[in-house]
Amino acid sequence: MESSLRYLANLDALSFEKLMRDYGQEVWSFAYSIVKNHSMADDITQDVFLQVFSHVTSFRNESSIKTWLLKITRNISYNYRKAAFIRKVFLVGKVVITENSISAEQSYFEKEATNDVWKQVFKLPVKLRETIILHAKYQLSISEIAQILDIPQGTVRSRLFEARKKMNIRLGEVL
């Protein structure tokens, strides 16, 4: 949290640029997981950082800056969804290959498996989807997720349980 305070204590152009570099991809990815639209996620990311810049004094240091940014991202994303009446979405997965010695066939099957998992994640109801993404992708604690979603920790636990249960059933059917 000390590094978070350094960003905000003296929010000049350089520290703001560093804040965007350090958290921009996570903000964009979380926005995309909600709206499922690249250009809308770009707009949301821009709006998040504009809001952070103009409301920097509202950061109360009760959570990490990452938690604060993701909460702002969630709120703005839902505002965009309501305004745009999104009905149909497409998943465009990004697969990162960590080994150079991986065969083309192995790479293909790993990409397909990853795409299958993400397709199933995006089929979950939004409340389960955002909970499991915050936990699995962003590795946030139960209490941090509860802060972002404005729900009790017990609700976070039950949503994670339900999301995992649905994913196990769905992935069993797909794989």
N, C-alpha and C. Protein backbone atom coordinates (compact mmCIF):
# COMPACT_ATOMS: atom_id res chain seq x y z
N MET A 1 0.82 -1.19 0.00
CA MET A 1 0.00 0.00 0.00
C MET A 1 0.87 1.26 0.00
N GLU A 2 2.13 1.12 0.47
CA GLU A 2 3.01 2.28 0.48
C GLU A 2 3.26 2.79 -0.94
N SER A 3 3.46 1.84 -1.89
CA SER A 3 3.68 2.27 -3.27
C SER A 3 2.44 2.94 -3.83
N SER A 4 1.27 2.52 -3.37
CA SER A 4 0.03 3.16 -3.81
C SER A 4 0.00 4.61 -3.38
N LEU A 5 0.44 4.85 -2.18
CA LEU A 5 0.43 6.21 -1.66
C LEU A 5 1.41 7.10 -2.41
N ARG A 6 2.51 6.52 -2.89
CA ARG A 6 3.46 7.30 -3.67
C ARG A 6 2.82 7.80 -4.96
N TYR A 7 2.00 6.96 -5.59
CA TYR A 7 1.31 7.39 -6.80
C TYR A 7 0.43 8.59 -6.52
N LEU A 8 -0.30 8.51 -5.41
CA LEU A 8 -1.36 9.47 -5.16
C LEU A 8 -0.91 10.71 -4.39
N ALA A 9 0.16 10.58 -3.63
CA ALA A 9 0.61 11.71 -2.82
C ALA A 9 1.03 12.89 -3.68
N ASN A 10 1.69 12.60 -4.77
CA ASN A 10 2.19 13.66 -5.64
C ASN A 10 1.82 13.30 -7.07
N LEU A 11 0.54 13.36 -7.38
CA LEU A 11 0.06 12.88 -8.67
C LEU A 11 0.39 13.88 -9.77
N ASP A 12 1.64 13.81 -10.22
CA ASP A 12 2.07 14.62 -11.35
C ASP A 12 2.02 13.76 -12.61
N ALA A 13 2.45 14.30 -13.71
CA ALA A 13 2.36 13.58 -14.99
C ALA A 13 3.14 12.27 -14.97
N LEU A 14 4.33 12.27 -14.37
CA LEU A 14 5.15 11.06 -14.35
C LEU A 14 4.54 9.97 -13.48
N SER A 15 4.08 10.33 -12.28
CA SER A 15 3.50 9.31 -11.41
C SER A 15 2.17 8.81 -11.97
N PHE A 16 1.42 9.69 -12.63
CA PHE A 16 0.16 9.26 -13.25
C PHE A 16 0.45 8.31 -14.41
N GLU A 17 1.48 8.61 -15.18
CA GLU A 17 1.87 7.73 -16.28
C GLU A 17 2.29 6.36 -15.74
N LYS A 18 3.02 6.35 -14.64
CA LYS A 18 3.44 5.08 -14.02
C LYS A 18 2.23 4.31 -13.51
N LEU A 19 1.29 5.00 -12.91
CA LEU A 19 0.05 4.37 -12.44
C LEU A 19 -0.67 3.70 -13.61
N MET A 20 -0.76 4.39 -14.73
CA MET A 20 -1.43 3.84 -15.91
C MET A 20 -0.65 2.65 -16.48
N ARG A 21 0.67 2.75 -16.49
CA ARG A 21 1.50 1.64 -16.98
C ARG A 21 1.35 0.41 -16.09
N ASP A 22 1.37 0.63 -14.78
CA ASP A 22 1.32 -0.48 -13.83
C ASP A 22 -0.04 -1.17 -13.77
N TYR A 23 -1.11 -0.41 -13.93
CA TYR A 23 -2.45 -0.97 -13.74
C TYR A 23 -3.34 -0.91 -14.98
N GLY A 24 -2.89 -0.29 -16.03
CA GLY A 24 -3.73 -0.10 -17.21
C GLY A 24 -4.25 -1.39 -17.82
N GLN A 25 -3.37 -2.39 -17.97
CA GLN A 25 -3.79 -3.65 -18.58
C GLN A 25 -4.81 -4.38 -17.71
N GLU A 26 -4.62 -4.34 -16.40
CA GLU A 26 -5.58 -5.00 -15.50
C GLU A 26 -6.93 -4.29 -15.54
N VAL A 27 -6.91 -2.98 -15.58
CA VAL A 27 -8.16 -2.22 -15.68
C VAL A 27 -8.86 -2.56 -16.99
N TRP A 28 -8.10 -2.56 -18.09
CA TRP A 28 -8.69 -2.87 -19.40
C TRP A 28 -9.26 -4.29 -19.41
N SER A 29 -8.50 -5.26 -18.91
CA SER A 29 -8.95 -6.66 -18.93
C SER A 29 -10.22 -6.85 -18.11
N PHE A 30 -10.28 -6.20 -16.95
CA PHE A 30 -11.48 -6.34 -16.11
C PHE A 30 -12.68 -5.67 -16.79
N ALA A 31 -12.45 -4.51 -17.38
CA ALA A 31 -13.53 -3.84 -18.11
C ALA A 31 -14.01 -4.73 -19.26
N TYR A 32 -13.07 -5.31 -19.98
CA TYR A 32 -13.43 -6.18 -21.10
C TYR A 32 -14.21 -7.41 -20.61
N SER A 33 -13.84 -7.94 -19.46
CA SER A 33 -14.55 -9.12 -18.95
C SER A 33 -16.01 -8.80 -18.64
N ILE A 34 -16.31 -7.54 -18.41
CA ILE A 34 -17.69 -7.13 -18.11
C ILE A 34 -18.44 -6.76 -19.39
N VAL A 35 -17.82 -5.95 -20.25
CA VAL A 35 -18.54 -5.45 -21.43
C VAL A 35 -18.30 -6.29 -22.69
N LYS A 36 -17.21 -7.04 -22.73
CA LYS A 36 -16.87 -7.92 -23.85
C LYS A 36 -16.82 -7.19 -25.18
N ASN A 37 -16.24 -6.02 -25.17
CA ASN A 37 -16.11 -5.22 -26.38
C ASN A 37 -14.81 -4.43 -26.28
N HIS A 38 -13.93 -4.62 -27.25
CA HIS A 38 -12.59 -4.00 -27.19
C HIS A 38 -12.63 -2.48 -27.12
N SER A 39 -13.37 -1.86 -28.02
CA SER A 39 -13.36 -0.39 -28.04
C SER A 39 -14.04 0.18 -26.80
N MET A 40 -15.06 -0.51 -26.31
CA MET A 40 -15.72 -0.05 -25.09
C MET A 40 -14.77 -0.19 -23.89
N ALA A 41 -14.00 -1.28 -23.86
CA ALA A 41 -13.02 -1.47 -22.79
C ALA A 41 -11.95 -0.37 -22.84
N ASP A 42 -11.56 0.02 -24.06
CA ASP A 42 -10.62 1.14 -24.21
C ASP A 42 -11.20 2.42 -23.61
N ASP A 43 -12.45 2.72 -23.95
CA ASP A 43 -13.11 3.92 -23.44
C ASP A 43 -13.24 3.88 -21.92
N ILE A 44 -13.61 2.73 -21.40
CA ILE A 44 -13.77 2.58 -19.95
C ILE A 44 -12.44 2.81 -19.26
N THR A 45 -11.37 2.22 -19.80
CA THR A 45 -10.04 2.38 -19.20
C THR A 45 -9.66 3.86 -19.15
N GLN A 46 -9.91 4.56 -20.24
CA GLN A 46 -9.63 5.99 -20.26
C GLN A 46 -10.46 6.72 -19.21
N ASP A 47 -11.73 6.39 -19.12
CA ASP A 47 -12.61 7.04 -18.13
C ASP A 47 -12.18 6.74 -16.70
N VAL A 48 -11.73 5.51 -16.46
CA VAL A 48 -11.27 5.15 -15.11
C VAL A 48 -10.12 6.04 -14.70
N PHE A 49 -9.12 6.18 -15.57
CA PHE A 49 -7.96 6.98 -15.20
C PHE A 49 -8.28 8.47 -15.14
N LEU A 50 -9.21 8.93 -15.95
CA LEU A 50 -9.65 10.32 -15.83
C LEU A 50 -10.34 10.55 -14.49
N GLN A 51 -11.16 9.59 -14.08
CA GLN A 51 -11.84 9.71 -12.80
C GLN A 51 -10.84 9.65 -11.64
N VAL A 52 -9.86 8.77 -11.75
CA VAL A 52 -8.83 8.68 -10.71
C VAL A 52 -8.10 10.02 -10.60
N PHE A 53 -7.74 10.58 -11.74
CA PHE A 53 -7.01 11.84 -11.74
C PHE A 53 -7.84 12.97 -11.12
N SER A 54 -9.12 13.02 -11.46
CA SER A 54 -9.95 14.12 -10.96
C SER A 54 -10.49 13.89 -9.55
N HIS A 55 -10.47 12.64 -9.08
CA HIS A 55 -10.99 12.34 -7.74
C HIS A 55 -9.94 11.69 -6.85
N VAL A 56 -8.68 12.02 -7.06
CA VAL A 56 -7.60 11.38 -6.31
C VAL A 56 -7.77 11.57 -4.80
N THR A 57 -8.37 12.65 -4.38
CA THR A 57 -8.54 12.90 -2.95
C THR A 57 -9.59 11.99 -2.31
N SER A 58 -10.39 11.31 -3.12
CA SER A 58 -11.40 10.42 -2.55
C SER A 58 -10.83 9.06 -2.15
N PHE A 59 -9.57 8.78 -2.51
CA PHE A 59 -8.94 7.53 -2.09
C PHE A 59 -8.68 7.61 -0.60
N ARG A 60 -9.34 6.71 0.16
CA ARG A 60 -9.31 6.78 1.62
C ARG A 60 -8.27 5.85 2.24
N ASN A 61 -7.49 5.18 1.43
CA ASN A 61 -6.44 4.30 1.92
C ASN A 61 -7.00 3.15 2.77
N GLU A 62 -8.26 2.76 2.52
CA GLU A 62 -8.85 1.63 3.23
C GLU A 62 -8.59 0.32 2.50
N SER A 63 -8.12 0.42 1.27
CA SER A 63 -7.82 -0.75 0.47
C SER A 63 -6.60 -0.43 -0.39
N SER A 64 -6.18 -1.42 -1.17
CA SER A 64 -5.06 -1.16 -2.07
C SER A 64 -5.54 -0.32 -3.25
N ILE A 65 -4.61 0.30 -3.93
CA ILE A 65 -4.99 1.11 -5.09
C ILE A 65 -5.57 0.21 -6.18
N LYS A 66 -5.07 -1.03 -6.27
CA LYS A 66 -5.59 -1.98 -7.25
C LYS A 66 -7.07 -2.25 -6.99
N THR A 67 -7.43 -2.48 -5.74
CA THR A 67 -8.82 -2.71 -5.37
C THR A 67 -9.67 -1.50 -5.71
N TRP A 68 -9.16 -0.31 -5.41
CA TRP A 68 -9.87 0.94 -5.71
C TRP A 68 -10.08 1.09 -7.21
N LEU A 69 -9.03 0.85 -7.99
CA LEU A 69 -9.12 0.98 -9.45
C LEU A 69 -10.12 -0.03 -10.04
N LEU A 70 -10.09 -1.26 -9.54
CA LEU A 70 -11.01 -2.27 -10.07
C LEU A 70 -12.45 -1.98 -9.68
N LYS A 71 -12.65 -1.38 -8.52
CA LYS A 71 -14.02 -1.00 -8.13
C LYS A 71 -14.53 0.12 -9.05
N ILE A 72 -13.69 1.10 -9.32
CA ILE A 72 -14.07 2.17 -10.24
C ILE A 72 -14.34 1.58 -11.63
N THR A 73 -13.48 0.66 -12.05
CA THR A 73 -13.65 0.00 -13.35
C THR A 73 -14.99 -0.72 -13.42
N ARG A 74 -15.33 -1.43 -12.38
CA ARG A 74 -16.61 -2.16 -12.35
C ARG A 74 -17.78 -1.19 -12.48
N ASN A 75 -17.75 -0.13 -11.70
CA ASN A 75 -18.86 0.83 -11.72
C ASN A 75 -19.02 1.48 -13.10
N ILE A 76 -17.92 1.91 -13.67
CA ILE A 76 -17.98 2.55 -14.99
C ILE A 76 -18.41 1.53 -16.06
N SER A 77 -17.92 0.31 -15.95
CA SER A 77 -18.30 -0.73 -16.92
C SER A 77 -19.79 -1.00 -16.90
N TYR A 78 -20.36 -1.07 -15.70
CA TYR A 78 -21.80 -1.31 -15.62
C TYR A 78 -22.59 -0.12 -16.16
N ASN A 79 -22.08 1.08 -15.95
CA ASN A 79 -22.74 2.25 -16.54
C ASN A 79 -22.71 2.17 -18.07
N TYR A 80 -21.59 1.74 -18.63
CA TYR A 80 -21.49 1.57 -20.08
C TYR A 80 -22.45 0.50 -20.57
N ARG A 81 -22.52 -0.61 -19.84
CA ARG A 81 -23.42 -1.70 -20.26
C ARG A 81 -24.86 -1.23 -20.28
N LYS A 82 -25.25 -0.50 -19.25
CA LYS A 82 -26.63 -0.02 -19.19
C LYS A 82 -26.91 0.93 -20.34
N ALA A 83 -25.97 1.79 -20.65
CA ALA A 83 -26.17 2.78 -21.70
C ALA A 83 -26.19 2.14 -23.09
N ALA A 84 -25.42 1.10 -23.29
CA ALA A 84 -25.27 0.52 -24.62
C ALA A 84 -26.24 -0.63 -24.90
N PHE A 85 -26.90 -1.14 -23.88
CA PHE A 85 -27.82 -2.28 -24.04
C PHE A 85 -27.16 -3.43 -24.80
N ILE A 86 -26.04 -3.86 -24.28
CA ILE A 86 -25.29 -4.92 -24.95
C ILE A 86 -26.10 -6.21 -24.93
N ARG A 87 -26.30 -6.80 -26.09
CA ARG A 87 -27.06 -8.05 -26.18
C ARG A 87 -26.21 -9.23 -26.65
N LYS A 88 -25.25 -8.97 -27.53
CA LYS A 88 -24.47 -10.07 -28.09
C LYS A 88 -23.00 -9.76 -27.91
N VAL A 89 -22.23 -10.76 -27.47
CA VAL A 89 -20.82 -10.54 -27.22
C VAL A 89 -20.00 -11.65 -27.86
N PHE A 90 -18.76 -11.34 -28.11
CA PHE A 90 -17.84 -12.31 -28.67
C PHE A 90 -16.60 -12.37 -27.79
N LEU A 91 -16.07 -13.57 -27.64
CA LEU A 91 -14.87 -13.75 -26.84
C LEU A 91 -13.67 -13.81 -27.77
N VAL A 92 -12.71 -12.98 -27.50
CA VAL A 92 -11.46 -13.03 -28.23
C VAL A 92 -10.39 -13.27 -27.18
N GLY A 93 -9.90 -14.51 -27.12
CA GLY A 93 -8.95 -14.88 -26.08
C GLY A 93 -7.53 -14.56 -26.47
N LYS A 94 -6.75 -14.29 -25.46
CA LYS A 94 -5.33 -14.08 -25.66
C LYS A 94 -4.62 -15.21 -24.93
N VAL A 95 -3.77 -15.92 -25.64
CA VAL A 95 -3.03 -17.02 -25.05
C VAL A 95 -1.56 -16.64 -25.04
N VAL A 96 -0.95 -16.77 -23.91
CA VAL A 96 0.47 -16.48 -23.78
C VAL A 96 1.22 -17.80 -23.69
N ILE A 97 2.13 -18.02 -24.60
CA ILE A 97 2.93 -19.24 -24.59
C ILE A 97 4.23 -18.94 -23.88
N THR A 98 4.54 -19.74 -22.88
CA THR A 98 5.71 -19.45 -22.06
C THR A 98 6.92 -20.27 -22.46
N GLU A 99 6.74 -21.36 -23.21
CA GLU A 99 7.86 -22.19 -23.61
C GLU A 99 8.14 -21.99 -25.10
N ASN A 100 9.42 -21.98 -25.44
CA ASN A 100 9.80 -21.87 -26.85
C ASN A 100 9.77 -23.23 -27.53
N SER A 101 9.93 -24.32 -26.76
CA SER A 101 10.04 -25.64 -27.35
C SER A 101 8.68 -26.32 -27.54
N ILE A 102 7.62 -25.59 -27.44
CA ILE A 102 6.28 -26.15 -27.56
C ILE A 102 5.98 -26.43 -29.04
N SER A 103 5.41 -27.59 -29.32
CA SER A 103 5.10 -27.94 -30.71
C SER A 103 3.87 -27.19 -31.17
N ALA A 104 3.71 -27.10 -32.48
CA ALA A 104 2.55 -26.42 -33.05
C ALA A 104 1.26 -27.13 -32.64
N GLU A 105 1.30 -28.46 -32.63
CA GLU A 105 0.12 -29.23 -32.25
C GLU A 105 -0.23 -29.00 -30.78
N GLN A 106 0.77 -29.05 -29.93
CA GLN A 106 0.56 -28.82 -28.50
C GLN A 106 0.05 -27.40 -28.26
N SER A 107 0.61 -26.45 -28.99
CA SER A 107 0.17 -25.06 -28.88
C SER A 107 -1.29 -24.92 -29.28
N TYR A 108 -1.68 -25.58 -30.35
CA TYR A 108 -3.06 -25.53 -30.82
C TYR A 108 -4.02 -26.08 -29.76
N PHE A 109 -3.68 -27.25 -29.20
CA PHE A 109 -4.57 -27.86 -28.21
C PHE A 109 -4.65 -27.04 -26.92
N GLU A 110 -3.53 -26.44 -26.51
CA GLU A 110 -3.56 -25.58 -25.33
C GLU A 110 -4.42 -24.34 -25.58
N LYS A 111 -4.30 -23.78 -26.77
CA LYS A 111 -5.10 -22.60 -27.12
C LYS A 111 -6.58 -22.96 -27.14
N GLU A 112 -6.92 -24.10 -27.71
CA GLU A 112 -8.31 -24.54 -27.75
C GLU A 112 -8.86 -24.77 -26.35
N ALA A 113 -8.06 -25.41 -25.48
CA ALA A 113 -8.51 -25.66 -24.10
C ALA A 113 -8.72 -24.34 -23.37
N THR A 114 -7.79 -23.41 -23.54
CA THR A 114 -7.91 -22.10 -22.90
C THR A 114 -9.15 -21.37 -23.41
N ASN A 115 -9.36 -21.41 -24.72
CA ASN A 115 -10.55 -20.76 -25.29
C ASN A 115 -11.83 -21.40 -24.76
N ASP A 116 -11.84 -22.73 -24.63
CA ASP A 116 -13.02 -23.42 -24.09
C ASP A 116 -13.31 -22.96 -22.66
N VAL A 117 -12.25 -22.85 -21.85
CA VAL A 117 -12.44 -22.40 -20.47
C VAL A 117 -13.00 -20.99 -20.45
N TRP A 118 -12.39 -20.08 -21.23
CA TRP A 118 -12.87 -18.69 -21.22
C TRP A 118 -14.28 -18.56 -21.78
N LYS A 119 -14.60 -19.36 -22.78
CA LYS A 119 -15.97 -19.34 -23.31
C LYS A 119 -16.96 -19.72 -22.22
N GLN A 120 -16.59 -20.71 -21.42
CA GLN A 120 -17.49 -21.14 -20.34
C GLN A 120 -17.55 -20.10 -19.23
N VAL A 121 -16.44 -19.45 -18.93
CA VAL A 121 -16.45 -18.38 -17.92
C VAL A 121 -17.40 -17.28 -18.37
N PHE A 122 -17.33 -16.90 -19.64
CA PHE A 122 -18.17 -15.81 -20.13
C PHE A 122 -19.63 -16.19 -20.29
N LYS A 123 -19.95 -17.48 -20.18
CA LYS A 123 -21.34 -17.92 -20.20
C LYS A 123 -21.97 -17.89 -18.81
N LEU A 124 -21.14 -17.73 -17.78
CA LEU A 124 -21.66 -17.66 -16.42
C LEU A 124 -22.49 -16.39 -16.26
N PRO A 125 -23.46 -16.42 -15.35
CA PRO A 125 -24.17 -15.17 -15.03
C PRO A 125 -23.16 -14.12 -14.55
N VAL A 126 -23.43 -12.88 -14.82
CA VAL A 126 -22.46 -11.80 -14.58
C VAL A 126 -21.97 -11.77 -13.13
N LYS A 127 -22.84 -12.03 -12.17
CA LYS A 127 -22.41 -11.98 -10.76
C LYS A 127 -21.38 -13.07 -10.46
N LEU A 128 -21.57 -14.26 -11.03
CA LEU A 128 -20.60 -15.33 -10.83
C LEU A 128 -19.34 -15.07 -11.63
N ARG A 129 -19.52 -14.58 -12.86
CA ARG A 129 -18.38 -14.32 -13.75
C ARG A 129 -17.42 -13.30 -13.15
N GLU A 130 -17.95 -12.17 -12.70
CA GLU A 130 -17.05 -11.14 -12.18
C GLU A 130 -16.36 -11.61 -10.91
N THR A 131 -17.04 -12.41 -10.11
CA THR A 131 -16.44 -12.90 -8.87
C THR A 131 -15.29 -13.85 -9.17
N ILE A 132 -15.51 -14.79 -10.08
CA ILE A 132 -14.46 -15.76 -10.38
C ILE A 132 -13.29 -15.10 -11.11
N ILE A 133 -13.56 -14.10 -11.95
CA ILE A 133 -12.47 -13.41 -12.64
C ILE A 133 -11.62 -12.62 -11.65
N LEU A 134 -12.26 -11.93 -10.73
CA LEU A 134 -11.49 -11.17 -9.72
C LEU A 134 -10.64 -12.11 -8.87
N HIS A 135 -11.16 -13.29 -8.59
CA HIS A 135 -10.43 -14.24 -7.75
C HIS A 135 -9.33 -14.95 -8.54
N ALA A 136 -9.67 -15.50 -9.70
CA ALA A 136 -8.73 -16.33 -10.45
C ALA A 136 -7.72 -15.50 -11.25
N LYS A 137 -8.19 -14.52 -11.98
CA LYS A 137 -7.30 -13.75 -12.84
C LYS A 137 -6.51 -12.70 -12.06
N TYR A 138 -7.18 -11.98 -11.18
CA TYR A 138 -6.52 -10.89 -10.45
C TYR A 138 -6.02 -11.32 -9.09
N GLN A 139 -6.32 -12.55 -8.68
CA GLN A 139 -5.86 -13.13 -7.42
C GLN A 139 -6.13 -12.23 -6.23
N LEU A 140 -7.34 -11.67 -6.21
CA LEU A 140 -7.74 -10.83 -5.09
C LEU A 140 -8.29 -11.72 -3.97
N SER A 141 -8.16 -11.25 -2.76
CA SER A 141 -8.67 -11.98 -1.61
C SER A 141 -10.19 -11.86 -1.55
N ILE A 142 -10.79 -12.69 -0.73
CA ILE A 142 -12.24 -12.65 -0.53
C ILE A 142 -12.66 -11.26 -0.05
N SER A 143 -11.90 -10.69 0.89
CA SER A 143 -12.28 -9.38 1.42
C SER A 143 -12.13 -8.28 0.37
N GLU A 144 -11.11 -8.35 -0.48
CA GLU A 144 -10.95 -7.35 -1.54
C GLU A 144 -12.09 -7.45 -2.56
N ILE A 145 -12.46 -8.67 -2.90
CA ILE A 145 -13.58 -8.86 -3.84
C ILE A 145 -14.86 -8.32 -3.22
N ALA A 146 -15.06 -8.58 -1.94
CA ALA A 146 -16.26 -8.08 -1.25
C ALA A 146 -16.30 -6.55 -1.30
N GLN A 147 -15.16 -5.90 -1.13
CA GLN A 147 -15.10 -4.44 -1.20
C GLN A 147 -15.47 -3.94 -2.60
N ILE A 148 -14.91 -4.57 -3.62
CA ILE A 148 -15.16 -4.14 -4.99
C ILE A 148 -16.62 -4.31 -5.36
N LEU A 149 -17.20 -5.44 -4.97
CA LEU A 149 -18.58 -5.75 -5.37
C LEU A 149 -19.62 -5.23 -4.39
N ASP A 150 -19.18 -4.67 -3.27
CA ASP A 150 -20.10 -4.17 -2.24
C ASP A 150 -21.04 -5.26 -1.74
N ILE A 151 -20.46 -6.43 -1.44
CA ILE A 151 -21.24 -7.54 -0.91
C ILE A 151 -20.50 -8.15 0.27
N PRO A 152 -21.20 -8.92 1.13
CA PRO A 152 -20.53 -9.57 2.25
C PRO A 152 -19.55 -10.65 1.77
N GLN A 153 -18.56 -10.95 2.60
CA GLN A 153 -17.57 -11.96 2.25
C GLN A 153 -18.21 -13.33 2.06
N GLY A 154 -19.24 -13.63 2.83
CA GLY A 154 -19.94 -14.90 2.68
C GLY A 154 -20.57 -15.04 1.31
N THR A 155 -21.07 -13.94 0.77
CA THR A 155 -21.66 -13.95 -0.57
C THR A 155 -20.58 -14.20 -1.61
N VAL A 156 -19.40 -13.63 -1.41
CA VAL A 156 -18.28 -13.88 -2.32
C VAL A 156 -17.96 -15.37 -2.32
N ARG A 157 -17.86 -15.95 -1.13
CA ARG A 157 -17.55 -17.38 -1.03
C ARG A 157 -18.61 -18.24 -1.72
N SER A 158 -19.88 -17.91 -1.51
CA SER A 158 -20.93 -18.72 -2.13
C SER A 158 -20.93 -18.54 -3.65
N ARG A 159 -20.64 -17.34 -4.13
CA ARG A 159 -20.57 -17.13 -5.58
C ARG A 159 -19.39 -17.89 -6.19
N LEU A 160 -18.25 -17.89 -5.49
CA LEU A 160 -17.11 -18.65 -5.99
C LEU A 160 -17.43 -20.14 -6.03
N PHE A 161 -18.08 -20.64 -4.99
CA PHE A 161 -18.46 -22.05 -4.95
C PHE A 161 -19.39 -22.38 -6.11
N GLU A 162 -20.40 -21.55 -6.31
CA GLU A 162 -21.38 -21.78 -7.37
C GLU A 162 -20.72 -21.67 -8.75
N ALA A 163 -19.84 -20.70 -8.93
CA ALA A 163 -19.15 -20.54 -10.22
C ALA A 163 -18.28 -21.76 -10.52
N ARG A 164 -17.55 -22.23 -9.52
CA ARG A 164 -16.70 -23.41 -9.72
C ARG A 164 -17.54 -24.64 -10.05
N LYS A 165 -18.65 -24.78 -9.35
CA LYS A 165 -19.53 -25.91 -9.59
C LYS A 165 -20.05 -25.89 -11.03
N LYS A 166 -20.52 -24.73 -11.47
CA LYS A 166 -21.03 -24.60 -12.85
C LYS A 166 -19.92 -24.82 -13.87
N MET A 167 -18.73 -24.31 -13.58
CA MET A 167 -17.61 -24.49 -14.51
C MET A 167 -17.23 -25.96 -14.62
N ASN A 168 -17.21 -26.68 -13.50
CA ASN A 168 -16.88 -28.10 -13.54
C ASN A 168 -17.88 -28.87 -14.39
N ILE A 169 -19.16 -28.56 -14.23
CA ILE A 169 -20.20 -29.22 -15.02
C ILE A 169 -20.03 -28.88 -16.49
N ARG A 170 -19.89 -27.60 -16.79
CA ARG A 170 -19.79 -27.16 -18.19
C ARG A 170 -18.52 -27.67 -18.87
N LEU A 171 -17.41 -27.64 -18.15
CA LEU A 171 -16.17 -28.10 -18.76
C LEU A 171 -16.18 -29.61 -18.94
N GLY A 172 -16.88 -30.31 -18.07
CA GLY A 172 -17.05 -31.75 -18.25
C GLY A 172 -17.79 -32.07 -19.53
N GLU A 173 -18.74 -31.22 -19.90
CA GLU A 173 -19.50 -31.41 -21.13
C GLU A 173 -18.68 -31.03 -22.36
N VAL A 174 -17.82 -30.02 -22.22
CA VAL A 174 -17.05 -29.52 -23.36
C VAL A 174 -15.81 -30.35 -23.63
N LEU A 175 -15.08 -30.68 -22.57
CA LEU A 175 -13.79 -31.37 -22.74
C LEU A 175 -13.89 -32.85 -22.75
